[in-house]
Amino acid sequence: MNNQTLLLLSFLVGIMVVIQGGINSRLGILLNNSLLATSTALTMGASFTIITVLITVRQYPSMHQLREIPIYMWLTGGLLSFIAVTLFYYIIPKVGISKTVTFGLAGQLAFAAIAGHFGWFNMPIEPITVKKVAGLLLMITGVILIKS
């Protein structure tokens, strides 16, 4: 896939995050519990993932490969997903979806710039430039304007 297609898919993912956040936070309201909405969303997500893995994966990792993966990698991603999704569903009905997503996006952009600059998580290094700092400041200004 070329870069333009990947960027379009990333844009569509952003739309899907807002849609699922709206639907599942409403589910939390109807269930009177954001944790029940989170467990429903993550259970359904895991179910769709397992079905897709069973259909598409042709070769599974060996036991040796599995043993080489540090324990924290098995746990941290799932824990952070659980916390992020639960907080998302809890916060949206209280402050609104646009503010929640805007502040979340601002946090993602700021942390992504820092993580990319230092190459954290074994990712390619993307140095922070004046242009990136200007973009982040513009984004934060936008968050302030949306908030007021």
Protein backbone atom coordinates (compact mmCIF):
# COMPACT_ATOMS: atom_id res chain seq x y z
CA MET A 1 0.00 0.00 0.00
CA ASN A 2 1.26 3.46 -0.81
CA ASN A 3 1.56 6.28 1.71
CA GLN A 4 -1.53 8.14 0.50
CA THR A 5 -3.69 5.06 0.99
CA LEU A 6 -2.23 4.49 4.45
CA LEU A 7 -2.86 8.12 5.43
CA LEU A 8 -6.45 7.87 4.16
CA LEU A 9 -6.92 4.70 6.22
CA SER A 10 -5.51 6.54 9.27
CA PHE A 11 -8.05 9.31 8.71
CA LEU A 12 -10.84 6.73 8.49
CA VAL A 13 -9.61 5.12 11.73
CA GLY A 14 -10.02 8.52 13.40
CA ILE A 15 -13.63 8.61 12.21
CA MET A 16 -14.21 5.06 13.48
CA VAL A 17 -12.79 5.98 16.91
CA VAL A 18 -15.32 8.80 17.23
CA ILE A 19 -18.21 6.58 16.06
CA GLN A 20 -17.36 3.70 18.39
CA GLY A 21 -16.71 6.12 21.26
CA GLY A 22 -20.15 7.67 20.77
CA ILE A 23 -21.95 4.34 20.43
CA ASN A 24 -20.17 2.64 23.31
CA SER A 25 -20.37 5.58 25.70
CA ARG A 26 -24.13 5.60 25.01
CA LEU A 27 -24.15 1.86 25.73
CA GLY A 28 -22.49 2.67 29.07
CA ILE A 29 -25.27 5.16 29.83
CA LEU A 30 -27.98 2.65 28.90
CA LEU A 31 -26.27 -0.04 31.01
CA ASN A 32 -25.63 2.53 33.76
CA ASN A 33 -22.01 1.38 33.89
CA SER A 34 -19.09 2.33 31.62
CA LEU A 35 -17.20 -0.82 32.67
CA LEU A 36 -19.99 -2.98 31.22
CA ALA A 37 -19.74 -1.03 27.95
CA THR A 38 -15.96 -1.49 27.97
CA SER A 39 -16.22 -5.23 28.58
CA THR A 40 -18.77 -5.54 25.77
CA ALA A 41 -16.65 -3.54 23.32
CA LEU A 42 -13.40 -5.32 24.17
CA THR A 43 -15.04 -8.77 24.16
CA MET A 44 -16.58 -8.13 20.76
CA GLY A 45 -13.29 -6.68 19.50
CA ALA A 46 -11.38 -9.73 20.75
CA SER A 47 -13.96 -12.04 19.15
CA PHE A 48 -13.65 -10.33 15.75
CA THR A 49 -9.86 -10.39 16.08
CA ILE A 50 -9.74 -14.11 16.90
CA ILE A 51 -12.03 -14.94 13.96
CA THR A 52 -9.85 -12.85 11.63
CA VAL A 53 -6.67 -14.49 12.95
CA LEU A 54 -8.13 -17.97 12.42
CA ILE A 55 -9.11 -17.10 8.86
CA THR A 56 -5.99 -15.21 7.76
CA VAL A 57 -2.90 -16.33 9.70
CA ARG A 58 -1.08 -19.15 7.94
CA GLN A 59 1.93 -19.56 10.21
CA TYR A 60 1.93 -19.07 13.96
CA PRO A 61 5.01 -18.15 16.03
CA SER A 62 7.09 -20.98 17.46
CA MET A 63 7.31 -21.63 21.20
CA HIS A 64 10.87 -20.29 21.07
CA GLN A 65 9.63 -17.00 19.56
CA LEU A 66 6.87 -16.75 22.18
CA ARG A 67 9.34 -17.28 25.05
CA GLU A 68 11.59 -14.51 23.72
CA ILE A 69 8.87 -11.87 24.13
CA PRO A 70 9.15 -10.00 27.46
CA ILE A 71 6.20 -10.49 29.84
CA TYR A 72 5.43 -6.77 29.99
CA MET A 73 4.65 -6.82 26.26
CA TRP A 74 1.94 -9.42 26.78
CA LEU A 75 0.24 -7.33 29.46
CA THR A 76 0.90 -3.63 28.94
CA GLY A 77 -0.89 -3.11 25.62
CA GLY A 78 -4.06 -4.79 26.86
CA LEU A 79 -3.97 -2.91 30.17
CA LEU A 80 -3.49 0.45 28.46
CA SER A 81 -6.28 -0.36 25.97
CA PHE A 82 -8.61 -1.24 28.84
CA ILE A 83 -7.81 1.97 30.73
CA ALA A 84 -8.04 4.20 27.63
CA VAL A 85 -11.31 2.71 26.39
CA THR A 86 -12.92 2.75 29.84
CA LEU A 87 -11.95 6.37 30.44
CA PHE A 88 -13.14 7.32 26.95
CA TYR A 89 -16.59 5.84 27.58
CA TYR A 90 -16.73 7.41 31.05
CA ILE A 91 -15.63 10.90 29.97
CA ILE A 92 -17.63 11.33 26.71
CA PRO A 93 -21.09 11.62 28.36
CA LYS A 94 -19.73 14.08 30.92
CA VAL A 95 -17.90 16.59 28.70
CA GLY A 96 -19.03 15.70 25.17
CA ILE A 97 -17.51 13.72 22.35
CA SER A 98 -15.79 16.61 20.53
CA LYS A 99 -13.97 17.85 23.63
CA THR A 100 -13.02 14.32 24.69
CA VAL A 101 -11.67 13.40 21.27
CA THR A 102 -9.94 16.78 20.81
CA PHE A 103 -8.13 16.58 24.14
CA GLY A 104 -7.32 12.92 23.50
CA LEU A 105 -5.91 13.78 20.10
CA ALA A 106 -3.84 16.61 21.58
CA GLY A 107 -2.38 14.16 24.10
CA GLN A 108 -1.67 11.64 21.35
CA LEU A 109 0.06 14.22 19.18
CA ALA A 110 2.19 15.63 22.00
CA PHE A 111 3.28 12.20 23.23
CA ALA A 112 3.80 10.88 19.67
CA ALA A 113 6.14 13.81 18.95
CA ILE A 114 8.19 13.05 22.06
CA ALA A 115 8.20 9.26 21.52
CA GLY A 116 9.09 9.71 17.84
CA HIS A 117 11.88 12.14 18.65
CA PHE A 118 13.57 9.64 20.97
CA GLY A 119 12.60 6.52 18.98
CA TRP A 120 10.83 4.97 21.96
CA PHE A 121 9.18 1.56 21.56
CA ASN A 122 11.74 0.62 18.89
CA MET A 123 10.10 2.95 16.39
CA PRO A 124 11.88 5.01 13.70
CA ILE A 125 13.34 8.26 15.00
CA GLU A 126 11.42 11.34 13.85
CA PRO A 127 13.21 14.42 15.19
CA ILE A 128 11.10 17.25 16.61
CA THR A 129 11.37 20.21 14.25
CA VAL A 130 10.27 23.83 14.48
CA LYS A 131 7.46 22.91 12.08
CA LYS A 132 6.27 20.12 14.42
CA VAL A 133 6.40 22.40 17.46
CA ALA A 134 4.38 25.02 15.56
CA GLY A 135 1.83 22.36 14.63
CA LEU A 136 1.55 21.16 18.23
CA LEU A 137 1.09 24.73 19.47
CA LEU A 138 -1.58 25.27 16.81
CA MET A 139 -3.30 22.06 17.93
CA ILE A 140 -3.23 23.09 21.59
CA THR A 141 -4.61 26.51 20.62
CA GLY A 142 -7.38 24.70 18.76
CA VAL A 143 -8.15 22.63 21.86
CA ILE A 144 -8.42 25.79 23.94
CA LEU A 145 -10.74 27.36 21.35
CA ILE A 146 -12.93 24.25 21.20
CA LYS A 147 -13.03 24.08 25.01
CA SER A 148 -14.31 27.65 25.39
